[in-house]
């Protein structure tokens, strides 16, 4: 998965222009509630064939943290 694809997923879920989704942006500041974060995680799991534990998902606050987690989990399945 590319960073651009992650931005597309977040922007689509939050109904935002992708230019507003920056690595340092806090997901809540972008308008994400817990259901939005859950939906983003489900999409990532489906696209990458990974499983994000609830404990790890709860720690995600920024787009950058989500990107790092995605990279770690994607690398772990290969």
Protein backbone atom coordinates (compact mmCIF):
# COMPACT_ATOMS: atom_id res chain seq x y z
CA UNK A 1 0.00 0.00 0.00
CA UNK A 2 1.19 3.48 -0.77
CA UNK A 3 0.88 6.51 1.45
CA UNK A 4 -1.30 8.07 -1.24
CA UNK A 5 -3.73 5.13 -1.02
CA UNK A 6 -3.91 5.53 2.75
CA UNK A 7 -4.73 9.21 2.28
CA UNK A 8 -7.45 8.26 -0.23
CA UNK A 9 -9.01 5.84 2.27
CA UNK A 10 -8.99 8.43 5.07
CA UNK A 11 -10.30 11.21 2.83
CA UNK A 12 -13.11 9.02 1.49
CA UNK A 13 -14.18 7.89 4.97
CA UNK A 14 -14.16 11.44 6.32
CA UNK A 15 -15.55 13.02 3.17
CA UNK A 16 -12.55 15.35 2.87
CA UNK A 17 -10.37 16.60 0.07
CA UNK A 18 -7.21 14.50 0.16
CA UNK A 19 -5.07 17.66 0.30
CA UNK A 20 -6.28 18.17 3.89
CA UNK A 21 -4.98 14.79 5.03
CA UNK A 22 -1.42 15.46 6.18
CA UNK A 23 0.94 13.08 7.97
CA UNK A 24 0.96 15.18 11.14
CA UNK A 25 -2.83 15.64 11.18
CA UNK A 26 -4.73 14.30 14.16
CA UNK A 27 -7.56 12.06 12.99
CA UNK A 28 -10.01 13.67 15.43
CA UNK A 29 -9.05 17.12 14.16
CA UNK A 30 -9.93 15.87 10.68
CA UNK A 31 -13.37 14.98 12.00
CA UNK A 32 -12.92 11.27 12.67
CA UNK A 33 -14.90 9.70 15.47
CA UNK A 34 -14.33 6.19 16.80
CA UNK A 35 -16.64 4.68 14.16
CA UNK A 36 -14.71 6.40 11.36
CA UNK A 37 -11.41 5.07 12.72
CA UNK A 38 -12.97 1.60 12.94
CA UNK A 39 -14.12 1.82 9.30
CA UNK A 40 -10.67 2.97 8.19
CA UNK A 41 -9.11 0.02 10.01
CA UNK A 42 -11.58 -2.41 8.39
CA UNK A 43 -10.71 -1.06 4.95
CA UNK A 44 -6.99 -1.44 5.65
CA UNK A 45 -7.49 -4.97 6.92
CA UNK A 46 -9.45 -5.93 3.82
CA UNK A 47 -7.06 -4.33 1.33
CA UNK A 48 -3.87 -5.60 2.94
CA UNK A 49 -5.05 -8.91 4.37
CA UNK A 50 -3.86 -7.88 7.83
CA UNK A 51 -5.45 -7.77 11.26
CA UNK A 52 -5.17 -4.67 13.44
CA UNK A 53 -5.58 -5.47 17.11
CA UNK A 54 -7.98 -3.23 19.07
CA UNK A 55 -5.12 -2.33 21.43
CA UNK A 56 -3.02 -1.02 18.53
CA UNK A 57 -5.97 0.72 16.90
CA UNK A 58 -6.75 2.63 20.10
CA UNK A 59 -3.25 4.12 20.15
CA UNK A 60 -3.54 5.68 16.70
CA UNK A 61 -3.96 9.45 16.87
CA UNK A 62 -2.38 10.82 13.70
CA UNK A 63 -2.24 9.97 10.03
CA UNK A 64 1.51 9.38 10.43
CA UNK A 65 0.98 6.87 13.23
CA UNK A 66 -1.58 5.05 11.10
CA UNK A 67 0.86 4.98 8.18
CA UNK A 68 3.64 3.58 10.39
CA UNK A 69 1.34 0.87 11.77
CA UNK A 70 0.16 -0.03 8.28
CA UNK A 71 3.75 -0.38 7.07
CA UNK A 72 4.73 -2.53 10.07
CA UNK A 73 1.77 -4.88 9.71
CA UNK A 74 2.11 -5.09 5.92
CA UNK A 75 5.83 -5.94 6.24
CA UNK A 76 5.01 -8.58 8.86
CA UNK A 77 2.71 -10.50 6.55
CA UNK A 78 5.23 -10.73 3.69
